[in-house]
Amino acid sequence: MTSTHKYVINKGFDSEREVEAIGFSTVGDYIDFYGIDGRGDKVVTLRIRAARVETVEQLAS
């Protein structure tokens, strides 16, 4: 089983938010955060425009 991690997007900014995901990647103008669905497939759980992201930080597990 793949473990999830907590990430903080824009830490210290007004738009700060947490997301739980197995990982993330840049896809064109977006940053996609991934999770695993009920069938075990990797799926995008959050897509955010890269221009709106100042920082992405993984919280300690």
C-alpha atoms as a PDB file:
ATOM      1  CA  MET A   1       0.000   0.000   0.000  1.00  0.00           C
ATOM      2  CA  THR A   2       1.218   3.492  -0.823  1.00  0.00           C
ATOM      3  CA  SER A   3       1.360   5.879   2.121  1.00  0.00           C
ATOM      4  CA  THR A   4       0.021   9.394   1.967  1.00  0.00           C
ATOM      5  CA  HIS A   5       1.800  12.532   3.100  1.00  0.00           C
ATOM      6  CA  LYS A   6       0.519  15.901   4.249  1.00  0.00           C
ATOM      7  CA  TYR A   7       1.609  18.915   2.234  1.00  0.00           C
ATOM      8  CA  VAL A   8       1.140  22.603   2.986  1.00  0.00           C
ATOM      9  CA  ILE A   9       0.583  24.840  -0.031  1.00  0.00           C
ATOM     10  CA  ASN A  10       1.561  28.525   0.367  1.00  0.00           C
ATOM     11  CA  LYS A  11       2.654  28.214   4.015  1.00  0.00           C
ATOM     12  CA  GLY A  12       2.541  31.610   5.716  1.00  0.00           C
ATOM     13  CA  PHE A  13       0.366  33.194   3.001  1.00  0.00           C
ATOM     14  CA  ASP A  14      -3.349  34.057   3.156  1.00  0.00           C
ATOM     15  CA  SER A  15      -4.070  31.207   0.725  1.00  0.00           C
ATOM     16  CA  GLU A  16      -2.382  28.540   2.911  1.00  0.00           C
ATOM     17  CA  ARG A  17      -3.993  25.104   2.764  1.00  0.00           C
ATOM     18  CA  GLU A  18      -3.157  21.503   3.617  1.00  0.00           C
ATOM     19  CA  VAL A  19      -3.617  18.549   1.312  1.00  0.00           C
ATOM     20  CA  GLU A  20      -3.070  14.833   1.875  1.00  0.00           C
ATOM     21  CA  ALA A  21      -1.609  13.012  -1.122  1.00  0.00           C
ATOM     22  CA  ILE A  22       0.816  10.297  -2.184  1.00  0.00           C
ATOM     23  CA  GLY A  23       2.762  12.863  -4.192  1.00  0.00           C
ATOM     24  CA  PHE A  24       2.528  15.678  -6.722  1.00  0.00           C
ATOM     25  CA  SER A  25       3.882  16.725 -10.098  1.00  0.00           C
ATOM     26  CA  THR A  26       3.850  19.713 -12.413  1.00  0.00           C
ATOM     27  CA  VAL A  27       1.670  19.218 -15.487  1.00  0.00           C
ATOM     28  CA  GLY A  28       1.810  22.182 -17.851  1.00  0.00           C
ATOM     29  CA  ASP A  29       0.464  25.228 -15.977  1.00  0.00           C
ATOM     30  CA  TYR A  30      -0.835  23.118 -13.066  1.00  0.00           C
ATOM     31  CA  ILE A  31       0.394  21.207 -10.041  1.00  0.00           C
ATOM     32  CA  ASP A  32      -1.476  17.927  -9.565  1.00  0.00           C
ATOM     33  CA  PHE A  33      -1.647  16.175  -6.188  1.00  0.00           C
ATOM     34  CA  TYR A  34      -2.319  12.447  -6.375  1.00  0.00           C
ATOM     35  CA  GLY A  35      -4.169   9.889  -4.283  1.00  0.00           C
ATOM     36  CA  ILE A  36      -5.248   6.269  -4.683  1.00  0.00           C
ATOM     37  CA  ASP A  37      -8.874   5.423  -5.459  1.00  0.00           C
ATOM     38  CA  GLY A  38     -10.848   2.380  -4.262  1.00  0.00           C
ATOM     39  CA  ARG A  39      -9.520   0.224  -7.125  1.00  0.00           C
ATOM     40  CA  GLY A  40      -5.907   1.077  -6.330  1.00  0.00           C
ATOM     41  CA  ASP A  41      -5.475   3.446  -9.279  1.00  0.00           C
ATOM     42  CA  LYS A  42      -3.528   6.718  -9.013  1.00  0.00           C
ATOM     43  CA  VAL A  43      -5.907   9.671  -9.430  1.00  0.00           C
ATOM     44  CA  VAL A  44      -5.651  13.463  -9.252  1.00  0.00           C
ATOM     45  CA  THR A  45      -7.204  14.630  -5.977  1.00  0.00           C
ATOM     46  CA  LEU A  46      -6.316  18.319  -6.329  1.00  0.00           C
ATOM     47  CA  ARG A  47      -5.258  20.419  -9.318  1.00  0.00           C
ATOM     48  CA  ILE A  48      -4.067  23.976  -8.706  1.00  0.00           C
ATOM     49  CA  ARG A  49      -2.619  26.551 -11.100  1.00  0.00           C
ATOM     50  CA  ALA A  50       1.140  26.726 -10.625  1.00  0.00           C
ATOM     51  CA  ALA A  51       0.974  30.545 -10.869  1.00  0.00           C
ATOM     52  CA  ARG A  52      -1.076  30.566  -7.626  1.00  0.00           C
ATOM     53  CA  VAL A  53       1.481  28.491  -5.687  1.00  0.00           C
ATOM     54  CA  GLU A  54       4.342  30.164  -3.841  1.00  0.00           C
ATOM     55  CA  THR A  55       5.512  27.135  -1.832  1.00  0.00           C
ATOM     56  CA  VAL A  56       4.790  23.423  -1.351  1.00  0.00           C
ATOM     57  CA  GLU A  57       6.145  21.889   1.828  1.00  0.00           C
ATOM     58  CA  GLN A  58       5.820  18.293   3.012  1.00  0.00           C
ATOM     59  CA  LEU A  59       5.021  18.003   6.695  1.00  0.00           C
ATOM     60  CA  ALA A  60       7.067  15.558   8.765  1.00  0.00           C
ATOM     61  CA  SER A  61       5.413  12.164   9.055  1.00  0.00           C
END
